Amino acid sequence: MAPQALTERELRAWRTSFRMLELLRTRIEQQLQADSGLSNADYTVLALLSEAPEGRLRPYELGRVAGWEKSRLHHQLTRMGTRGLVARERCGSRGMYAVITEKGRDALREAAPGHTREVRRLFVDLLTAEELDRFADIAGTILDNLEEDGPPAP
């Protein structure tokens, strides 16, 4: 049985949402690069580690919270480690922690005000408090489904 085609309403909602997410990601990336030299991925890792107890997480935990695959996280941590933003520390005989360094904390402190300003300008300040709550609820519904569904089978 062939899938049912999307209606005009459904197409409009999908295309608008997709375009919005792509443009937001691009604009945030541009702002971070211009103001701090960080990528959005750098900022995400630094923010998550800075919020973790003692600034450290096991890579599998970091990947889960970021929503990234193991390979992507490994390459990101390697790039950031080369720049001194994060370090890897042993945990037991075989485990590892990803740890934010002082240089990483400094980079995050420097980037945060501009990032916050841009998020407000492009997103938060355009919506009322009620619209923000509705948006978060709608996005949460879709996110919950995506997390339950998992990636497509190869």
Protein backbone atom coordinates (compact mmCIF):
# COMPACT_ATOMS: atom_id res chain seq x y z
CA MET A 1 0.00 0.00 0.00
CA ALA A 2 1.46 3.35 -1.06
CA PRO A 3 1.78 6.04 1.61
CA GLN A 4 -0.83 8.77 1.52
CA ALA A 5 0.45 12.01 -0.01
CA LEU A 6 0.84 14.98 2.29
CA THR A 7 -1.93 17.56 2.19
CA GLU A 8 -1.17 21.22 1.49
CA ARG A 9 -1.51 21.96 5.22
CA GLU A 10 0.86 19.13 6.12
CA LEU A 11 3.37 20.18 3.45
CA ARG A 12 3.27 23.79 4.65
CA ALA A 13 3.87 22.76 8.28
CA TRP A 14 6.69 20.37 7.34
CA ARG A 15 8.47 22.68 4.91
CA THR A 16 8.18 25.70 7.19
CA SER A 17 9.52 23.75 10.17
CA PHE A 18 12.36 22.22 8.20
CA ARG A 19 13.40 25.55 6.68
CA MET A 20 13.19 27.27 10.07
CA LEU A 21 15.42 24.66 11.72
CA GLU A 22 17.97 24.83 8.91
CA LEU A 23 18.13 28.64 8.99
CA LEU A 24 18.33 28.78 12.78
CA ARG A 25 21.18 26.26 12.77
CA THR A 26 23.01 28.20 10.05
CA ARG A 27 22.58 31.59 11.73
CA ILE A 28 23.65 30.30 15.15
CA GLU A 29 26.67 28.63 13.57
CA GLN A 30 27.62 31.86 11.76
CA GLN A 31 27.28 33.94 14.93
CA LEU A 32 29.35 31.54 17.03
CA GLN A 33 32.10 31.31 14.40
CA ALA A 34 32.25 35.08 13.93
CA ASP A 35 32.20 35.98 17.63
CA SER A 36 34.20 33.18 19.23
CA GLY A 37 35.59 30.80 16.61
CA LEU A 38 33.51 27.98 18.08
CA SER A 39 31.24 25.76 16.04
CA ASN A 40 27.74 24.95 17.23
CA ALA A 41 29.01 21.43 18.00
CA ASP A 42 31.86 22.89 20.09
CA TYR A 43 29.40 25.07 22.00
CA THR A 44 27.05 22.14 22.59
CA VAL A 45 29.79 19.93 24.02
CA LEU A 46 31.21 22.71 26.20
CA ALA A 47 27.77 23.68 27.52
CA LEU A 48 26.83 20.09 28.36
CA LEU A 49 30.16 19.40 30.07
CA SER A 50 30.03 22.68 32.00
CA GLU A 51 26.64 21.67 33.42
CA ALA A 52 27.79 18.17 34.40
CA PRO A 53 29.11 17.34 37.87
CA GLU A 54 32.81 18.23 38.00
CA GLY A 55 32.64 19.19 34.31
CA ARG A 56 32.90 15.58 33.18
CA LEU A 57 30.76 12.96 31.51
CA ARG A 58 31.35 9.53 30.10
CA PRO A 59 31.28 9.79 26.29
CA TYR A 60 28.23 7.53 26.00
CA GLU A 61 26.36 9.88 28.39
CA LEU A 62 27.49 12.95 26.48
CA GLY A 63 26.44 11.36 23.19
CA ARG A 64 23.04 10.43 24.58
CA VAL A 65 22.37 13.93 25.92
CA ALA A 66 23.60 15.57 22.70
CA GLY A 67 21.72 13.08 20.53
CA TRP A 68 24.88 12.17 18.61
CA GLU A 69 26.24 8.89 17.33
CA LYS A 70 29.43 7.48 18.83
CA SER A 71 31.52 8.23 15.74
CA ARG A 72 30.45 11.87 15.53
CA LEU A 73 31.17 12.41 19.22
CA HIS A 74 34.57 10.71 18.98
CA HIS A 75 35.66 12.97 16.10
CA GLN A 76 34.28 16.08 17.82
CA LEU A 77 36.09 15.31 21.08
CA THR A 78 39.31 14.62 19.16
CA ARG A 79 39.11 17.99 17.38
CA MET A 80 38.29 19.82 20.60
CA GLY A 81 41.03 17.97 22.48
CA THR A 82 43.58 19.09 19.90
CA ARG A 83 42.53 22.69 20.60
CA GLY A 84 42.71 22.18 24.37
CA LEU A 85 38.98 22.72 24.97
CA VAL A 86 38.35 19.26 26.40
CA ALA A 87 40.46 16.43 27.75
CA ARG A 88 39.96 12.72 28.09
CA GLU A 89 40.59 11.22 31.50
CA ARG A 90 40.74 7.58 32.47
CA CYS A 91 37.87 6.12 34.47
CA GLY A 92 38.71 2.72 35.88
CA SER A 93 40.71 0.27 33.80
CA ARG A 94 38.86 0.73 30.50
CA GLY A 95 36.56 3.74 30.82
CA MET A 96 37.05 7.35 29.84
CA TYR A 97 35.61 10.71 30.80
CA ALA A 98 35.28 13.74 28.57
CA VAL A 99 36.25 16.73 30.70
CA ILE A 100 35.96 20.44 30.03
CA THR A 101 39.32 22.19 30.48
CA GLU A 102 39.89 25.67 31.84
CA LYS A 103 40.50 26.83 28.25
CA GLY A 104 37.13 25.27 27.34
CA ARG A 105 35.42 27.07 30.23
CA ASP A 106 37.00 30.35 29.12
CA ALA A 107 35.85 29.80 25.52
CA LEU A 108 32.31 29.04 26.70
CA ARG A 109 32.22 32.13 28.97
CA GLU A 110 33.38 34.26 26.05
CA ALA A 111 30.87 32.77 23.59
CA ALA A 112 27.80 32.60 25.85
CA PRO A 113 26.71 36.28 25.84
CA GLY A 114 26.72 36.55 22.04
CA HIS A 115 25.09 33.16 21.66
CA THR A 116 22.36 34.09 24.13
CA ARG A 117 21.79 37.41 22.40
CA GLU A 118 21.42 35.68 19.02
CA VAL A 119 19.07 32.98 20.36
CA ARG A 120 16.91 35.73 21.87
CA ARG A 121 16.97 37.82 18.67
CA LEU A 122 16.20 34.95 16.31
CA PHE A 123 13.80 32.93 18.45
CA VAL A 124 12.84 33.78 22.03
CA ASP A 125 11.94 37.46 21.64
CA LEU A 126 9.66 36.75 18.67
CA LEU A 127 7.25 34.67 20.76
CA THR A 128 5.06 35.33 23.77
CA ALA A 129 5.52 33.27 26.94
CA GLU A 130 2.46 31.21 25.97
CA GLU A 131 3.79 30.64 22.44
CA LEU A 132 7.14 29.52 23.85
CA ASP A 133 5.34 27.01 26.08
CA ARG A 134 3.24 25.70 23.15
CA PHE A 135 6.32 25.51 20.94
CA ALA A 136 8.24 23.56 23.60
CA ASP A 137 5.29 21.18 24.04
CA ILE A 138 4.97 20.56 20.30
CA ALA A 139 8.70 20.13 19.81
CA GLY A 140 8.78 17.83 22.86
CA THR A 141 6.11 15.60 21.35
CA ILE A 142 8.10 15.24 18.13
CA LEU A 143 11.38 14.78 19.99
CA ASP A 144 9.90 12.08 22.25
CA ASN A 145 8.73 10.19 19.16
CA LEU A 146 12.12 10.53 17.46
CA GLU A 147 13.94 9.26 20.55
CA GLU A 148 11.59 6.29 20.90
CA ASP A 149 11.68 5.47 17.19
CA GLY A 150 15.46 5.36 16.85
CA PRO A 151 17.42 5.48 13.60
CA PRO A 152 16.16 3.61 10.54
CA ALA A 153 17.39 0.07 10.07
CA PRO A 154 20.22 -0.27 7.53
